[in-house]
Protein backbone atom coordinates (compact mmCIF):
# COMPACT_ATOMS: atom_id res chain seq x y z
CA MET A 1 162.17 72.00 -170.22
CA PHE A 2 159.36 73.93 -169.09
CA PHE A 3 155.90 75.65 -169.89
CA LYS A 4 154.92 79.05 -169.15
CA PRO A 5 151.15 79.55 -167.61
CA LYS A 6 148.63 80.18 -170.19
CA GLU A 7 151.25 80.44 -172.69
CA HIS A 8 150.19 81.24 -176.36
CA GLU A 9 149.51 78.96 -178.97
CA PRO A 10 150.49 77.00 -180.71
CA SER A 11 151.81 74.42 -178.02
CA HIS A 12 155.31 74.61 -177.05
CA ILE A 13 157.78 74.09 -174.65
CA HIS A 14 161.16 76.14 -173.85
CA ALA A 15 164.29 74.21 -173.35
CA LEU A 16 167.28 75.54 -171.85
CA TYR A 17 170.98 74.05 -172.22
CA GLY A 18 173.53 76.35 -170.65
CA GLU A 19 173.28 79.83 -172.46
CA HIS A 20 171.22 78.37 -175.09
CA ILE A 21 167.70 78.10 -175.47
CA GLY A 22 165.20 76.72 -177.77
CA ILE A 23 161.14 76.60 -178.32
CA PHE A 24 159.72 73.01 -179.80
CA ASP A 25 156.14 72.60 -180.76
CA LEU A 26 154.54 70.03 -179.37
CA ARG A 27 152.92 68.48 -182.26
CA THR A 28 155.71 68.24 -184.59
CA MET A 29 158.52 68.32 -182.27
CA GLU A 30 160.31 70.90 -184.44
CA MET A 31 162.27 73.75 -183.02
CA THR A 32 160.64 76.59 -184.07
CA GLU A 33 162.62 79.29 -182.18
CA GLY A 34 166.24 79.56 -180.63
CA ASP A 35 169.79 78.42 -181.09
CA LEU A 36 170.04 74.98 -179.16
CA PRO A 37 173.01 73.04 -180.61
CA LYS A 38 172.06 70.21 -182.76
CA LYS A 39 172.76 67.94 -180.17
CA ALA A 40 170.65 69.09 -177.71
CA GLN A 41 168.12 69.46 -180.27
CA GLU A 42 167.81 65.90 -180.65
CA LEU A 43 167.91 65.19 -176.61
CA VAL A 44 164.77 67.15 -176.71
CA LYS A 45 162.84 65.39 -179.52
CA GLU A 46 164.06 62.33 -177.66
CA TRP A 47 162.52 63.52 -174.24
CA MET A 48 159.57 65.01 -176.32
CA SER A 49 158.55 61.69 -178.17
CA SER A 50 158.72 59.64 -174.81
CA ASN A 51 156.29 62.52 -173.36
CA GLN A 52 154.26 63.76 -176.05
CA LYS A 53 151.01 62.49 -174.81
CA GLU A 54 151.45 64.01 -171.31
CA LEU A 55 153.02 67.68 -172.53
CA LEU A 56 149.76 67.81 -174.71
CA GLU A 57 147.32 66.89 -171.96
CA MET A 58 149.17 69.28 -169.41
CA TRP A 59 149.21 72.25 -171.80
CA ASP A 60 145.11 71.45 -172.77
CA SER A 61 144.41 71.44 -168.69
CA GLN A 62 147.14 73.70 -167.85
CA ASN A 63 147.48 70.88 -164.84
CA LEU A 64 151.64 71.07 -165.09
CA ARG A 65 153.47 68.30 -163.05
CA LYS A 66 156.93 67.05 -163.16
CA LEU A 67 158.00 64.53 -165.66
CA PRO A 68 160.62 62.23 -165.98
CA PRO A 69 164.07 62.95 -167.45
CA LEU A 70 165.54 61.36 -170.20
């Protein structure tokens, strides 16, 4: 999962899985764009749920740091 610095709203992350990509809204944790397989989507949502507060703080501050894996 990754952010792009100074990215456009709404707050979101990009998730890569092999050749697939998904863009997930940080607040709803729903995939808004992409073709990630369902199982990968569920893993991303689980990880986001565990890190949602930190993800939103990083989005707002643009102070990016590594978060623990799932």
